[in-house]
């Protein structure tokens, strides 16, 4: 594995039922944002589950921070990868600050619980994401978008070199989608590596450094965003539903209406 890569998948294969990830090879550089694109059921979330050892690989390996993660325990993974899944639900009356504090679990060794430093990191994470005012609210009182931001703050408080975010803007309004992407860019500029599954190709076009495209369990394109996203690429992924255009102000993807 190149030292410049935070994550690398080598000849990764996984299958269950009629679905399979087939011979996945990709790498993600340190301090970058990599967007994962693909239709529903193309393998993006399954790939994340393989990274987290939720699923056992049939073949190949995943390297995280230069180490093979295949047989690493949950403690090692929690110190190296912060994962925010889709549709997280809670049936307990936790306060938002308690959820963010859970991100400190891999670092808390004292029998006396979280330290002043841990609590300070929680406050800083919530402030960084812009949700300090939610700290003393119960999760059941929050909107779907607010809960999503709380879980992202938890991932930030976890202080890992790699973050995996599965559709982190799906419950956010337009303003907060853009604000979150700008926050993620700032996080990456400070050295963290971020991989994001999204169904919004414009977000990848505007905010990501690299893109990986999945189709039917295979990686069909990967590289720098400016080198990959064009009309030929969009047609392969989305058919004739959209088109790419380079404007004076910025590149953009339009729907074909």
Protein backbone atom coordinates (compact mmCIF):
# COMPACT_ATOMS: atom_id res chain seq x y z
CA UNK A 1 0.00 0.00 0.00
CA UNK A 2 1.27 3.48 -0.86
CA UNK A 3 1.81 5.62 2.25
CA UNK A 4 -0.20 8.34 0.51
CA UNK A 5 -3.31 6.13 0.57
CA UNK A 6 -5.58 5.99 3.61
CA UNK A 7 -7.72 3.16 2.22
CA UNK A 8 -7.05 0.53 -0.40
CA UNK A 9 -9.21 -2.39 -1.54
CA UNK A 10 -7.36 -5.21 -3.27
CA UNK A 11 -9.22 -7.81 -5.33
CA UNK A 12 -12.16 -7.61 -2.94
CA UNK A 13 -15.03 -10.02 -3.54
CA UNK A 14 -18.15 -10.66 -1.47
CA UNK A 15 -21.45 -12.36 -2.22
CA UNK A 16 -24.79 -13.17 -0.66
CA UNK A 17 -27.86 -14.45 -2.45
CA UNK A 18 -27.89 -13.15 -5.99
CA UNK A 19 -25.74 -10.09 -5.25
CA UNK A 20 -21.95 -9.89 -5.35
CA UNK A 21 -19.13 -7.40 -5.15
CA UNK A 22 -16.70 -8.53 -7.81
CA UNK A 23 -12.96 -7.91 -7.83
CA UNK A 24 -13.08 -4.43 -6.28
CA UNK A 25 -9.81 -2.50 -6.59
CA UNK A 26 -9.62 1.11 -5.45
CA UNK A 27 -7.58 3.48 -3.33
CA UNK A 28 -8.30 6.74 -1.53
CA UNK A 29 -5.59 9.27 -0.75
CA UNK A 30 -5.11 10.84 2.66
CA UNK A 31 -6.79 14.18 3.24
CA UNK A 32 -9.23 13.87 0.35
CA UNK A 33 -12.98 13.50 -0.10
CA UNK A 34 -13.97 10.55 -2.26
CA UNK A 35 -17.58 10.26 -3.45
CA UNK A 36 -19.24 6.94 -4.23
CA UNK A 37 -21.86 7.03 -6.98
CA UNK A 38 -24.15 4.37 -8.36
CA UNK A 39 -27.76 3.32 -8.68
CA UNK A 40 -29.66 1.78 -5.78
CA UNK A 41 -28.33 -1.70 -5.11
CA UNK A 42 -25.08 -1.14 -6.99
CA UNK A 43 -22.87 -2.08 -4.03
CA UNK A 44 -21.88 1.20 -2.37
CA UNK A 45 -23.28 0.49 1.10
CA UNK A 46 -22.16 -3.13 0.87
CA UNK A 47 -18.62 -1.92 0.26
CA UNK A 48 -18.82 0.22 3.42
CA UNK A 49 -20.09 -2.79 5.37
CA UNK A 50 -17.08 -4.77 4.14
CA UNK A 51 -14.77 -1.96 5.29
CA UNK A 52 -16.32 -2.19 8.77
CA UNK A 53 -15.99 -6.00 8.91
CA UNK A 54 -19.77 -6.31 9.18
CA UNK A 55 -19.51 -8.70 6.23
CA UNK A 56 -16.89 -11.38 5.69
CA UNK A 57 -14.95 -11.09 2.46
CA UNK A 58 -14.91 -14.00 0.04
CA UNK A 59 -11.55 -12.91 -1.38
CA UNK A 60 -9.11 -10.01 -1.17
CA UNK A 61 -8.38 -7.51 1.56
CA UNK A 62 -8.92 -3.94 2.69
CA UNK A 63 -6.00 -1.87 3.96
CA UNK A 64 -6.74 0.98 6.35
CA UNK A 65 -3.88 3.28 7.28
CA UNK A 66 -1.40 0.75 5.84
CA UNK A 67 -2.80 -2.18 7.85
CA UNK A 68 -5.01 -5.05 6.71
CA UNK A 69 -8.35 -4.61 8.46
CA UNK A 70 -9.83 -8.02 7.62
CA UNK A 71 -9.20 -9.54 11.03
CA UNK A 72 -8.97 -6.44 13.18
CA UNK A 73 -11.21 -6.26 16.23
CA UNK A 74 -13.90 -3.66 16.85
CA UNK A 75 -11.62 -1.60 19.11
CA UNK A 76 -9.03 -1.15 16.35
CA UNK A 77 -11.72 -0.31 13.80
CA UNK A 78 -13.31 2.26 16.12
CA UNK A 79 -9.97 4.05 16.47
CA UNK A 80 -9.41 4.13 12.72
CA UNK A 81 -12.84 4.45 11.08
CA UNK A 82 -15.83 6.59 12.02
CA UNK A 83 -18.93 5.25 10.24
CA UNK A 84 -22.29 6.95 9.86
CA UNK A 85 -24.86 4.58 8.38
CA UNK A 86 -28.14 5.37 6.62
CA UNK A 87 -31.40 5.69 8.56
CA UNK A 88 -30.02 5.50 12.08
CA UNK A 89 -32.83 5.04 14.59
CA UNK A 90 -32.80 5.35 18.38
CA UNK A 91 -35.48 4.04 20.72
CA UNK A 92 -33.94 5.47 23.90
CA UNK A 93 -34.31 9.03 25.27
CA UNK A 94 -30.67 10.06 24.82
CA UNK A 95 -29.64 13.68 24.75
CA UNK A 96 -27.82 14.82 21.63
CA UNK A 97 -24.62 15.44 23.61
CA UNK A 98 -24.75 11.84 24.91
CA UNK A 99 -24.84 10.51 21.35
CA UNK A 100 -21.81 12.61 20.40
CA UNK A 101 -20.03 11.45 23.56
CA UNK A 102 -20.43 7.85 22.36
CA UNK A 103 -17.87 8.73 19.72
CA UNK A 104 -15.28 8.97 22.50
CA UNK A 105 -15.86 5.35 23.61
CA UNK A 106 -12.71 3.95 21.90
CA UNK A 107 -10.57 6.45 23.82
CA UNK A 108 -12.11 6.16 27.30
CA UNK A 109 -10.01 3.85 29.45
CA UNK A 110 -10.81 5.14 32.92
CA UNK A 111 -13.35 3.34 35.11
CA UNK A 112 -14.52 6.82 36.06
CA UNK A 113 -15.92 7.47 32.59
CA UNK A 114 -15.24 10.33 30.19
CA UNK A 115 -12.64 12.92 31.13
CA UNK A 116 -12.84 16.70 30.92
CA UNK A 117 -10.91 16.40 27.66
CA UNK A 118 -13.52 13.99 26.24
CA UNK A 119 -16.34 16.36 27.15
CA UNK A 120 -14.46 19.28 25.64
CA UNK A 121 -13.97 17.33 22.39
CA UNK A 122 -17.73 16.68 22.32
CA UNK A 123 -18.49 20.39 22.73
CA UNK A 124 -15.98 21.29 20.02
CA UNK A 125 -17.40 18.69 17.61
CA UNK A 126 -20.95 19.97 18.07
CA UNK A 127 -19.77 23.56 17.65
CA UNK A 128 -17.82 22.64 14.51
CA UNK A 129 -20.91 21.02 12.94
CA UNK A 130 -23.04 23.97 14.08
CA UNK A 131 -25.38 22.17 16.48
CA UNK A 132 -24.28 23.40 19.92
CA UNK A 133 -27.85 24.51 20.66
CA UNK A 134 -29.04 20.89 20.35
CA UNK A 135 -26.75 19.54 23.09
CA UNK A 136 -29.43 19.31 25.80
CA UNK A 137 -32.28 18.23 23.56
CA UNK A 138 -33.45 14.63 23.42
CA UNK A 139 -32.96 12.86 20.11
CA UNK A 140 -36.71 12.19 19.95
CA UNK A 141 -37.29 15.96 19.86
CA UNK A 142 -35.07 16.49 16.82
CA UNK A 143 -35.92 16.43 13.13
CA UNK A 144 -34.40 13.80 10.86
CA UNK A 145 -31.89 16.31 9.55
CA UNK A 146 -30.88 17.42 13.04
CA UNK A 147 -30.36 13.81 14.11
CA UNK A 148 -28.21 13.26 11.04
CA UNK A 149 -25.96 16.18 12.05
CA UNK A 150 -25.67 14.78 15.59
CA UNK A 151 -24.39 11.46 14.24
CA UNK A 152 -21.87 13.28 12.05
CA UNK A 153 -20.69 15.22 15.12
CA UNK A 154 -20.29 11.87 16.89
CA UNK A 155 -18.10 10.66 14.02
CA UNK A 156 -15.99 13.81 14.27
CA UNK A 157 -15.59 13.39 18.05
CA UNK A 158 -14.33 9.85 17.43
CA UNK A 159 -11.11 11.40 16.07
CA UNK A 160 -10.33 8.77 13.46
CA UNK A 161 -8.21 9.32 10.34
CA UNK A 162 -11.00 7.93 8.11
CA UNK A 163 -14.72 8.73 7.98
CA UNK A 164 -17.29 6.69 6.03
CA UNK A 165 -20.58 8.54 5.54
CA UNK A 166 -23.53 6.79 3.90
CA UNK A 167 -25.87 9.40 2.37
CA UNK A 168 -25.17 12.02 5.08
CA UNK A 169 -27.29 14.73 3.44
CA UNK A 170 -30.39 12.64 2.67
CA UNK A 171 -32.51 14.22 5.45
CA UNK A 172 -31.07 17.75 5.22
CA UNK A 173 -32.66 20.80 3.63
CA UNK A 174 -30.80 22.44 0.74
CA UNK A 175 -29.06 25.04 2.92
CA UNK A 176 -27.77 22.47 5.39
CA UNK A 177 -26.67 20.14 2.60
CA UNK A 178 -24.33 22.82 1.26
CA UNK A 179 -23.18 23.86 4.74
CA UNK A 180 -22.38 20.24 5.63
CA UNK A 181 -20.36 19.73 2.46
CA UNK A 182 -18.35 22.85 3.25
CA UNK A 183 -17.75 21.52 6.77
CA UNK A 184 -16.56 18.21 5.33
CA UNK A 185 -14.18 20.04 3.02
CA UNK A 186 -12.72 21.82 6.04
CA UNK A 187 -12.34 18.51 7.89
CA UNK A 188 -10.51 17.01 4.92
CA UNK A 189 -8.25 20.06 4.65
CA UNK A 190 -7.05 19.26 8.18
CA UNK A 191 -5.87 15.81 7.07
CA UNK A 192 -8.84 13.47 7.51
CA UNK A 193 -9.95 11.20 4.69
CA UNK A 194 -13.68 11.06 3.93
CA UNK A 195 -15.61 8.59 1.78
CA UNK A 196 -19.23 9.50 1.05
CA UNK A 197 -22.05 7.58 -0.60
CA UNK A 198 -24.48 9.95 -2.29
CA UNK A 199 -27.21 9.98 -4.92
CA UNK A 200 -26.52 13.61 -5.82
CA UNK A 201 -23.87 13.74 -8.58
CA UNK A 202 -23.66 17.53 -8.41
CA UNK A 203 -22.41 17.29 -4.84
CA UNK A 204 -19.58 15.05 -5.99
CA UNK A 205 -18.89 17.40 -8.89
CA UNK A 206 -18.70 20.44 -6.61
CA UNK A 207 -17.18 19.14 -3.39
CA UNK A 208 -15.24 15.89 -3.92
CA UNK A 209 -11.66 15.33 -5.01
CA UNK A 210 -12.18 11.80 -6.33
CA UNK A 211 -15.07 9.62 -7.41
CA UNK A 212 -15.69 5.87 -7.48
CA UNK A 213 -18.65 4.60 -9.49
CA UNK A 214 -20.34 1.27 -8.77
CA UNK A 215 -22.61 -0.65 -11.12
CA UNK A 216 -24.00 -4.12 -10.40
CA UNK A 217 -21.34 -4.88 -7.80
CA UNK A 218 -18.39 -3.69 -9.85
CA UNK A 219 -16.26 -0.54 -9.90
CA UNK A 220 -16.80 0.85 -13.39
CA UNK A 221 -14.91 4.14 -13.00
CA UNK A 222 -12.58 5.76 -10.48
CA UNK A 223 -10.27 8.75 -10.44
CA UNK A 224 -10.25 12.51 -10.10
CA UNK A 225 -13.70 14.05 -10.45
CA UNK A 226 -12.65 16.35 -13.30
CA UNK A 227 -11.31 13.37 -15.25
CA UNK A 228 -14.30 11.07 -14.73
CA UNK A 229 -17.57 13.00 -14.77
CA UNK A 230 -18.74 13.69 -18.31
CA UNK A 231 -21.77 12.82 -20.43
CA UNK A 232 -20.45 9.39 -21.39
CA UNK A 233 -19.95 8.53 -17.71
CA UNK A 234 -23.39 9.84 -16.71
CA UNK A 235 -25.11 7.84 -19.44
CA UNK A 236 -23.47 4.65 -18.20
CA UNK A 237 -24.61 5.25 -14.62
CA UNK A 238 -27.98 6.98 -15.10
CA UNK A 239 -28.99 6.33 -18.71
CA UNK A 240 -30.46 9.31 -20.56
CA UNK A 241 -31.85 11.01 -17.46
CA UNK A 242 -29.23 13.78 -17.14
CA UNK A 243 -26.44 15.64 -18.90
CA UNK A 244 -23.21 17.41 -17.97
CA UNK A 245 -22.52 21.01 -18.90
CA UNK A 246 -19.55 23.25 -18.16
CA UNK A 247 -20.70 26.81 -17.46
CA UNK A 248 -18.65 29.92 -16.87
CA UNK A 249 -19.37 29.86 -13.14
CA UNK A 250 -19.12 26.10 -12.55
CA UNK A 251 -19.75 22.65 -13.98
CA UNK A 252 -23.25 21.29 -13.41
CA UNK A 253 -25.39 18.24 -14.12
CA UNK A 254 -28.90 18.93 -15.42
CA UNK A 255 -31.86 16.54 -15.53
CA UNK A 256 -33.21 15.77 -19.00
CA UNK A 257 -36.81 16.95 -18.61
